Amino acid sequence: MGSITGKGVFSLVQETIKIEGMECDHCVMRVGRAIASVEGVVEVDVSLEKKEAVVDFEDNRTDSGKIRDAIREAGYEPL
């Protein structure tokens, strides 16, 4: 799941983050936008039913902590 770019080697990491406080489709959109705004995030899929986000990101550009911070800044609690 890695790739070689002009800047070097990176790994694409997938993480599932449970999220507390999502109650409607608006919440899903807000969380999705917050996560997508983090530099290095490649793809995000937020599920209201599962109350989680599946996030693919480049580990040389971001990390789980920055993604969790973005979720908190949007008003939700990553578990």
N, C-alpha and C. Protein backbone atom coordinates (compact mmCIF):
# COMPACT_ATOMS: atom_id res chain seq x y z
N MET A 1 0.80 -1.18 0.00
CA MET A 1 0.00 0.00 0.00
C MET A 1 0.85 1.25 0.00
N GLY A 2 2.10 1.15 -0.35
CA GLY A 2 2.95 2.32 -0.44
C GLY A 2 3.14 2.72 -1.88
N SER A 3 3.72 3.87 -2.07
CA SER A 3 3.96 4.38 -3.41
C SER A 3 5.21 5.23 -3.38
N ILE A 4 5.87 5.33 -4.50
CA ILE A 4 7.05 6.18 -4.60
C ILE A 4 6.65 7.43 -5.36
N THR A 5 6.94 8.57 -4.76
CA THR A 5 6.64 9.85 -5.40
C THR A 5 7.95 10.59 -5.62
N GLY A 6 7.85 11.75 -6.21
CA GLY A 6 9.03 12.57 -6.41
C GLY A 6 9.65 13.01 -5.10
N LYS A 7 8.89 12.99 -4.03
CA LYS A 7 9.37 13.43 -2.73
C LYS A 7 9.83 12.27 -1.86
N GLY A 8 9.70 11.05 -2.32
CA GLY A 8 10.13 9.91 -1.53
C GLY A 8 9.03 8.87 -1.40
N VAL A 9 9.19 8.03 -0.41
CA VAL A 9 8.27 6.91 -0.20
C VAL A 9 7.27 7.29 0.89
N PHE A 10 6.02 6.93 0.69
CA PHE A 10 5.02 7.11 1.73
C PHE A 10 4.14 5.88 1.79
N SER A 11 3.49 5.73 2.91
CA SER A 11 2.52 4.64 3.06
C SER A 11 1.14 5.23 3.17
N LEU A 12 0.20 4.58 2.53
CA LEU A 12 -1.19 4.96 2.66
C LEU A 12 -1.76 4.13 3.81
N VAL A 13 -2.24 4.82 4.83
CA VAL A 13 -2.73 4.17 6.03
C VAL A 13 -4.25 4.31 6.08
N GLN A 14 -4.93 3.25 6.50
CA GLN A 14 -6.38 3.32 6.68
C GLN A 14 -6.67 3.13 8.16
N GLU A 15 -7.46 4.05 8.70
CA GLU A 15 -7.83 3.96 10.11
C GLU A 15 -9.33 4.17 10.25
N THR A 16 -9.93 3.37 11.12
CA THR A 16 -11.34 3.53 11.44
C THR A 16 -11.43 4.21 12.80
N ILE A 17 -12.16 5.33 12.84
CA ILE A 17 -12.28 6.12 14.07
C ILE A 17 -13.75 6.18 14.46
N LYS A 18 -14.07 5.66 15.63
CA LYS A 18 -15.43 5.79 16.18
C LYS A 18 -15.62 7.24 16.61
N ILE A 19 -16.84 7.77 16.39
CA ILE A 19 -17.10 9.18 16.67
C ILE A 19 -18.39 9.31 17.48
N GLU A 20 -18.28 10.00 18.60
CA GLU A 20 -19.42 10.23 19.47
C GLU A 20 -20.06 11.58 19.15
N GLY A 21 -21.38 11.62 19.12
CA GLY A 21 -22.08 12.89 18.96
C GLY A 21 -22.74 13.09 17.61
N MET A 22 -22.50 12.21 16.65
CA MET A 22 -23.15 12.35 15.34
C MET A 22 -24.59 11.85 15.45
N GLU A 23 -25.55 12.70 15.02
CA GLU A 23 -26.95 12.33 15.14
C GLU A 23 -27.74 12.46 13.85
N CYS A 24 -27.17 13.10 12.82
CA CYS A 24 -27.93 13.33 11.59
C CYS A 24 -26.98 13.43 10.39
N ASP A 25 -27.57 13.56 9.20
CA ASP A 25 -26.76 13.67 7.99
C ASP A 25 -25.91 14.93 7.99
N HIS A 26 -26.40 16.00 8.61
CA HIS A 26 -25.61 17.23 8.71
C HIS A 26 -24.32 16.97 9.50
N CYS A 27 -24.44 16.19 10.57
CA CYS A 27 -23.27 15.83 11.37
C CYS A 27 -22.26 15.07 10.51
N VAL A 28 -22.75 14.13 9.72
CA VAL A 28 -21.89 13.33 8.85
C VAL A 28 -21.14 14.24 7.88
N MET A 29 -21.85 15.19 7.28
CA MET A 29 -21.21 16.11 6.33
C MET A 29 -20.17 16.98 7.04
N ARG A 30 -20.50 17.45 8.22
CA ARG A 30 -19.57 18.31 8.96
C ARG A 30 -18.29 17.56 9.34
N VAL A 31 -18.44 16.35 9.83
CA VAL A 31 -17.28 15.53 10.19
C VAL A 31 -16.46 15.21 8.94
N GLY A 32 -17.14 14.82 7.86
CA GLY A 32 -16.44 14.50 6.62
C GLY A 32 -15.63 15.67 6.09
N ARG A 33 -16.21 16.87 6.12
CA ARG A 33 -15.49 18.06 5.66
C ARG A 33 -14.30 18.37 6.55
N ALA A 34 -14.48 18.22 7.85
CA ALA A 34 -13.39 18.49 8.79
C ALA A 34 -12.21 17.55 8.54
N ILE A 35 -12.51 16.27 8.37
CA ILE A 35 -11.44 15.30 8.13
C ILE A 35 -10.78 15.54 6.78
N ALA A 36 -11.59 15.79 5.76
CA ALA A 36 -11.05 16.01 4.41
C ALA A 36 -10.16 17.24 4.33
N SER A 37 -10.36 18.19 5.25
CA SER A 37 -9.55 19.41 5.23
C SER A 37 -8.14 19.21 5.76
N VAL A 38 -7.88 18.07 6.39
CA VAL A 38 -6.55 17.78 6.92
C VAL A 38 -5.62 17.42 5.77
N GLU A 39 -4.51 18.13 5.67
CA GLU A 39 -3.54 17.86 4.60
C GLU A 39 -3.03 16.43 4.72
N GLY A 40 -3.05 15.69 3.62
CA GLY A 40 -2.59 14.31 3.61
C GLY A 40 -3.71 13.29 3.61
N VAL A 41 -4.94 13.73 3.92
CA VAL A 41 -6.09 12.82 3.86
C VAL A 41 -6.44 12.59 2.40
N VAL A 42 -6.52 11.34 2.01
CA VAL A 42 -6.79 10.97 0.62
C VAL A 42 -8.27 10.67 0.42
N GLU A 43 -8.88 9.98 1.38
CA GLU A 43 -10.29 9.60 1.25
C GLU A 43 -10.90 9.46 2.64
N VAL A 44 -12.16 9.82 2.75
CA VAL A 44 -12.88 9.65 4.02
C VAL A 44 -14.29 9.18 3.73
N ASP A 45 -14.75 8.22 4.53
CA ASP A 45 -16.12 7.71 4.42
C ASP A 45 -16.71 7.71 5.83
N VAL A 46 -17.69 8.57 6.06
CA VAL A 46 -18.31 8.71 7.37
C VAL A 46 -19.65 7.99 7.37
N SER A 47 -19.88 7.16 8.38
CA SER A 47 -21.14 6.41 8.49
C SER A 47 -21.89 6.83 9.74
N LEU A 48 -23.11 7.34 9.55
CA LEU A 48 -23.96 7.69 10.69
C LEU A 48 -24.41 6.42 11.40
N GLU A 49 -24.77 5.40 10.63
CA GLU A 49 -25.25 4.14 11.19
C GLU A 49 -24.20 3.50 12.11
N LYS A 50 -22.95 3.48 11.66
CA LYS A 50 -21.88 2.87 12.45
C LYS A 50 -21.23 3.85 13.41
N LYS A 51 -21.55 5.15 13.25
CA LYS A 51 -20.94 6.22 14.05
C LYS A 51 -19.42 6.14 14.00
N GLU A 52 -18.91 6.12 12.75
CA GLU A 52 -17.47 6.02 12.56
C GLU A 52 -17.07 6.65 11.23
N ALA A 53 -15.78 6.90 11.13
CA ALA A 53 -15.19 7.38 9.88
C ALA A 53 -14.05 6.45 9.51
N VAL A 54 -14.01 6.07 8.25
CA VAL A 54 -12.88 5.30 7.72
C VAL A 54 -12.06 6.29 6.90
N VAL A 55 -10.81 6.47 7.31
CA VAL A 55 -9.96 7.50 6.73
C VAL A 55 -8.71 6.89 6.13
N ASP A 56 -8.43 7.22 4.86
CA ASP A 56 -7.18 6.84 4.21
C ASP A 56 -6.31 8.09 4.17
N PHE A 57 -5.07 7.97 4.66
CA PHE A 57 -4.19 9.13 4.67
C PHE A 57 -2.74 8.73 4.43
N GLU A 58 -1.96 9.70 3.95
CA GLU A 58 -0.53 9.50 3.71
C GLU A 58 0.19 9.76 5.03
N ASP A 59 0.89 8.74 5.52
CA ASP A 59 1.50 8.86 6.85
C ASP A 59 2.70 9.80 6.90
N ASN A 60 3.18 10.25 5.75
CA ASN A 60 4.28 11.21 5.76
C ASN A 60 3.77 12.64 5.77
N ARG A 61 2.44 12.83 5.66
CA ARG A 61 1.86 14.17 5.61
C ARG A 61 0.94 14.47 6.79
N THR A 62 0.42 13.44 7.43
CA THR A 62 -0.45 13.65 8.58
C THR A 62 -0.43 12.41 9.46
N ASP A 63 -1.16 12.48 10.55
CA ASP A 63 -1.25 11.33 11.45
C ASP A 63 -2.63 11.31 12.11
N SER A 64 -2.88 10.26 12.84
CA SER A 64 -4.17 10.07 13.48
C SER A 64 -4.50 11.21 14.44
N GLY A 65 -3.51 11.73 15.12
CA GLY A 65 -3.73 12.82 16.07
C GLY A 65 -4.29 14.06 15.41
N LYS A 66 -3.76 14.43 14.25
CA LYS A 66 -4.24 15.62 13.54
C LYS A 66 -5.67 15.41 13.05
N ILE A 67 -5.97 14.19 12.62
CA ILE A 67 -7.33 13.88 12.16
C ILE A 67 -8.30 13.94 13.33
N ARG A 68 -7.91 13.39 14.46
CA ARG A 68 -8.76 13.43 15.66
C ARG A 68 -8.96 14.87 16.14
N ASP A 69 -7.92 15.69 16.04
CA ASP A 69 -8.05 17.11 16.41
C ASP A 69 -9.08 17.81 15.53
N ALA A 70 -9.07 17.50 14.23
CA ALA A 70 -10.03 18.11 13.30
C ALA A 70 -11.46 17.70 13.66
N ILE A 71 -11.65 16.46 14.07
CA ILE A 71 -12.97 15.99 14.48
C ILE A 71 -13.44 16.75 15.72
N ARG A 72 -12.53 16.93 16.69
CA ARG A 72 -12.87 17.68 17.90
C ARG A 72 -13.21 19.13 17.58
N GLU A 73 -12.44 19.74 16.69
CA GLU A 73 -12.69 21.13 16.30
C GLU A 73 -14.06 21.28 15.64
N ALA A 74 -14.55 20.22 15.01
CA ALA A 74 -15.88 20.25 14.38
C ALA A 74 -16.99 20.04 15.41
N GLY A 75 -16.62 19.73 16.66
CA GLY A 75 -17.61 19.59 17.72
C GLY A 75 -18.00 18.17 18.08
N TYR A 76 -17.19 17.20 17.68
CA TYR A 76 -17.49 15.79 17.94
C TYR A 76 -16.32 15.15 18.67
N GLU A 77 -16.56 14.00 19.26
CA GLU A 77 -15.52 13.35 20.06
C GLU A 77 -15.09 12.03 19.43
N PRO A 78 -13.83 11.97 18.95
CA PRO A 78 -13.31 10.70 18.44
C PRO A 78 -13.00 9.77 19.61
N LEU A 79 -13.35 8.51 19.46
CA LEU A 79 -13.12 7.54 20.54
C LEU A 79 -11.95 6.64 20.22
